[in-house]
Amino acid sequence: MDESPENVVAQRSNRVQLTVQANGKLERFHGSIKGECLRPGTPLSLEDALRIVGRYVDHYNQVRLHSAIGYVAPADKLAGREGEIFAARDRKLAEARERRKAQREATRLQAVA
């Protein structure tokens, strides 16, 4: 890098300026790729690494649930399906509560009889 003042200003203006939060999220994503994808996958070539990372990124965006967005996949969030997902979860929770309530009642009636 040419350290003359004119070049430093030009180079700085051409760089993408990330906020502290965006930089932290990007570093976290890179850590996830390393820890969950590259180290366990042990790529043997650049093509192998690209294949492994590509599969991981697809999984990360399409399947993996993210706590920051309500335990839905980013693809579902972007498609506006989180409302359906939350409604299905609430329905399943209500059904499970009713089953547990019925089981407790049946157990109580057996104990009385």
C-alpha atoms as a PDB file:
ATOM      1  CA  MET A   1       0.000   0.000   0.000  1.00  0.00           C
ATOM      2  CA  ASP A   2       1.285   3.417  -0.916  1.00  0.00           C
ATOM      3  CA  GLU A   3       1.279   5.433   2.329  1.00  0.00           C
ATOM      4  CA  SER A   4       1.068   8.878   0.696  1.00  0.00           C
ATOM      5  CA  PRO A   5      -1.900  10.839   2.113  1.00  0.00           C
ATOM      6  CA  GLU A   6      -3.681  11.028  -1.252  1.00  0.00           C
ATOM      7  CA  ASN A   7      -3.572   7.238  -1.719  1.00  0.00           C
ATOM      8  CA  VAL A   8      -4.602   6.434   1.834  1.00  0.00           C
ATOM      9  CA  VAL A   9      -7.723   8.596   1.496  1.00  0.00           C
ATOM     10  CA  ALA A  10      -8.595   6.997  -1.868  1.00  0.00           C
ATOM     11  CA  GLN A  11      -8.068   3.470  -0.538  1.00  0.00           C
ATOM     12  CA  ARG A  12     -10.147   4.127   2.566  1.00  0.00           C
ATOM     13  CA  SER A  13     -13.050   5.524   0.549  1.00  0.00           C
ATOM     14  CA  ASN A  14     -13.103   2.383  -1.643  1.00  0.00           C
ATOM     15  CA  ARG A  15     -13.390  -0.045   1.277  1.00  0.00           C
ATOM     16  CA  VAL A  16     -16.708  -1.233   2.591  1.00  0.00           C
ATOM     17  CA  GLN A  17     -17.227   0.265   6.014  1.00  0.00           C
ATOM     18  CA  LEU A  18     -18.804  -2.240   8.367  1.00  0.00           C
ATOM     19  CA  THR A  19     -20.404  -1.281  11.625  1.00  0.00           C
ATOM     20  CA  VAL A  20     -19.133  -2.942  14.760  1.00  0.00           C
ATOM     21  CA  GLN A  21     -22.280  -5.093  14.874  1.00  0.00           C
ATOM     22  CA  ALA A  22     -22.024  -6.133  11.207  1.00  0.00           C
ATOM     23  CA  ASN A  23     -18.350  -6.963  11.614  1.00  0.00           C
ATOM     24  CA  GLY A  24     -19.104  -9.053  14.697  1.00  0.00           C
ATOM     25  CA  LYS A  25     -21.843 -10.967  12.887  1.00  0.00           C
ATOM     26  CA  LEU A  26     -19.537 -11.630   9.963  1.00  0.00           C
ATOM     27  CA  GLU A  27     -16.775 -12.864  12.278  1.00  0.00           C
ATOM     28  CA  ARG A  28     -19.282 -15.120  14.052  1.00  0.00           C
ATOM     29  CA  PHE A  29     -20.401 -16.573  10.718  1.00  0.00           C
ATOM     30  CA  HIS A  30     -16.794 -17.241   9.738  1.00  0.00           C
ATOM     31  CA  GLY A  31     -16.253 -18.940  13.102  1.00  0.00           C
ATOM     32  CA  SER A  32     -19.299 -21.123  12.463  1.00  0.00           C
ATOM     33  CA  ILE A  33     -18.001 -22.082   9.034  1.00  0.00           C
ATOM     34  CA  LYS A  34     -14.630 -23.027  10.493  1.00  0.00           C
ATOM     35  CA  GLY A  35     -15.948 -24.883  13.533  1.00  0.00           C
ATOM     36  CA  GLU A  36     -19.026 -26.592  12.083  1.00  0.00           C
ATOM     37  CA  CYS A  37     -17.953 -27.088   8.490  1.00  0.00           C
ATOM     38  CA  LEU A  38     -14.274 -26.931   7.565  1.00  0.00           C
ATOM     39  CA  ARG A  39     -12.586 -28.506  10.565  1.00  0.00           C
ATOM     40  CA  PRO A  40     -14.937 -31.513  10.788  1.00  0.00           C
ATOM     41  CA  GLY A  41     -15.092 -31.826   6.977  1.00  0.00           C
ATOM     42  CA  THR A  42     -11.311 -31.633   6.429  1.00  0.00           C
ATOM     43  CA  PRO A  43     -11.275 -30.568   2.769  1.00  0.00           C
ATOM     44  CA  LEU A  44      -8.439 -32.029   0.725  1.00  0.00           C
ATOM     45  CA  SER A  45      -8.539 -29.505  -2.122  1.00  0.00           C
ATOM     46  CA  LEU A  46      -9.950 -26.092  -2.965  1.00  0.00           C
ATOM     47  CA  GLU A  47     -12.798 -27.709  -4.902  1.00  0.00           C
ATOM     48  CA  ASP A  48     -13.571 -29.936  -1.925  1.00  0.00           C
ATOM     49  CA  ALA A  49     -13.580 -26.898   0.398  1.00  0.00           C
ATOM     50  CA  LEU A  50     -15.903 -24.984  -1.945  1.00  0.00           C
ATOM     51  CA  ARG A  51     -18.289 -27.940  -2.085  1.00  0.00           C
ATOM     52  CA  ILE A  52     -18.294 -28.373   1.707  1.00  0.00           C
ATOM     53  CA  VAL A  53     -18.785 -24.647   2.375  1.00  0.00           C
ATOM     54  CA  GLY A  54     -21.508 -24.419  -0.289  1.00  0.00           C
ATOM     55  CA  ARG A  55     -23.435 -27.261   1.331  1.00  0.00           C
ATOM     56  CA  TYR A  56     -22.999 -25.651   4.754  1.00  0.00           C
ATOM     57  CA  VAL A  57     -24.206 -22.225   3.560  1.00  0.00           C
ATOM     58  CA  ASP A  58     -27.286 -23.834   1.997  1.00  0.00           C
ATOM     59  CA  HIS A  59     -27.998 -25.659   5.278  1.00  0.00           C
ATOM     60  CA  TYR A  60     -27.303 -22.472   7.281  1.00  0.00           C
ATOM     61  CA  ASN A  61     -29.818 -20.459   5.247  1.00  0.00           C
ATOM     62  CA  GLN A  62     -32.460 -23.071   4.419  1.00  0.00           C
ATOM     63  CA  VAL A  63     -32.603 -25.487   7.385  1.00  0.00           C
ATOM     64  CA  ARG A  64     -30.719 -24.278  10.458  1.00  0.00           C
ATOM     65  CA  LEU A  65     -32.888 -22.546  13.047  1.00  0.00           C
ATOM     66  CA  HIS A  66     -31.576 -19.178  14.234  1.00  0.00           C
ATOM     67  CA  SER A  67     -32.403 -18.033  17.748  1.00  0.00           C
ATOM     68  CA  ALA A  68     -32.125 -14.337  16.863  1.00  0.00           C
ATOM     69  CA  ILE A  69     -35.096 -14.597  14.476  1.00  0.00           C
ATOM     70  CA  GLY A  70     -37.346 -16.774  16.618  1.00  0.00           C
ATOM     71  CA  TYR A  71     -35.891 -20.196  15.838  1.00  0.00           C
ATOM     72  CA  VAL A  72     -36.816 -20.169  12.161  1.00  0.00           C
ATOM     73  CA  ALA A  73     -34.555 -20.590   9.151  1.00  0.00           C
ATOM     74  CA  PRO A  74     -33.524 -17.374   7.355  1.00  0.00           C
ATOM     75  CA  ALA A  75     -35.186 -18.571   4.140  1.00  0.00           C
ATOM     76  CA  ASP A  76     -38.505 -18.969   5.988  1.00  0.00           C
ATOM     77  CA  LYS A  77     -38.128 -15.515   7.542  1.00  0.00           C
ATOM     78  CA  LEU A  78     -37.402 -13.896   4.170  1.00  0.00           C
ATOM     79  CA  ALA A  79     -40.369 -15.696   2.579  1.00  0.00           C
ATOM     80  CA  GLY A  80     -42.664 -14.418   5.332  1.00  0.00           C
ATOM     81  CA  ARG A  81     -43.480 -17.895   6.654  1.00  0.00           C
ATOM     82  CA  GLU A  82     -42.573 -17.200  10.284  1.00  0.00           C
ATOM     83  CA  GLY A  83     -46.226 -16.461  11.137  1.00  0.00           C
ATOM     84  CA  GLU A  84     -47.290 -19.890   9.868  1.00  0.00           C
ATOM     85  CA  ILE A  85     -44.418 -21.539  11.726  1.00  0.00           C
ATOM     86  CA  PHE A  86     -45.271 -19.772  15.000  1.00  0.00           C
ATOM     87  CA  ALA A  87     -48.980 -20.665  14.617  1.00  0.00           C
ATOM     88  CA  ALA A  88     -48.108 -24.335  14.005  1.00  0.00           C
ATOM     89  CA  ARG A  89     -45.855 -24.325  17.066  1.00  0.00           C
ATOM     90  CA  ASP A  90     -48.579 -22.791  19.214  1.00  0.00           C
ATOM     91  CA  ARG A  91     -51.101 -25.379  17.957  1.00  0.00           C
ATOM     92  CA  LYS A  92     -48.719 -28.261  18.718  1.00  0.00           C
ATOM     93  CA  LEU A  93     -48.022 -26.871  22.195  1.00  0.00           C
ATOM     94  CA  ALA A  94     -51.750 -26.552  22.913  1.00  0.00           C
ATOM     95  CA  GLU A  95     -52.361 -30.124  21.716  1.00  0.00           C
ATOM     96  CA  ALA A  96     -49.514 -31.409  23.892  1.00  0.00           C
ATOM     97  CA  ARG A  97     -50.930 -29.571  26.927  1.00  0.00           C
ATOM     98  CA  GLU A  98     -54.336 -31.154  26.320  1.00  0.00           C
ATOM     99  CA  ARG A  99     -52.783 -34.638  25.986  1.00  0.00           C
ATOM    100  CA  ARG A 100     -50.865 -34.193  29.230  1.00  0.00           C
ATOM    101  CA  LYS A 101     -53.984 -32.916  30.969  1.00  0.00           C
ATOM    102  CA  ALA A 102     -55.980 -35.953  29.750  1.00  0.00           C
ATOM    103  CA  GLN A 103     -53.188 -38.316  30.863  1.00  0.00           C
ATOM    104  CA  ARG A 104     -53.081 -36.735  34.326  1.00  0.00           C
ATOM    105  CA  GLU A 105     -56.860 -37.016  34.613  1.00  0.00           C
ATOM    106  CA  ALA A 106     -56.788 -40.694  33.521  1.00  0.00           C
ATOM    107  CA  THR A 107     -54.035 -41.436  36.043  1.00  0.00           C
ATOM    108  CA  ARG A 108     -55.995 -39.664  38.787  1.00  0.00           C
ATOM    109  CA  LEU A 109     -59.156 -41.647  37.964  1.00  0.00           C
ATOM    110  CA  GLN A 110     -57.221 -44.950  38.026  1.00  0.00           C
ATOM    111  CA  ALA A 111     -55.792 -44.070  41.422  1.00  0.00           C
ATOM    112  CA  VAL A 112     -59.284 -43.342  42.802  1.00  0.00           C
ATOM    113  CA  ALA A 113     -60.791 -46.564  41.396  1.00  0.00           C
END
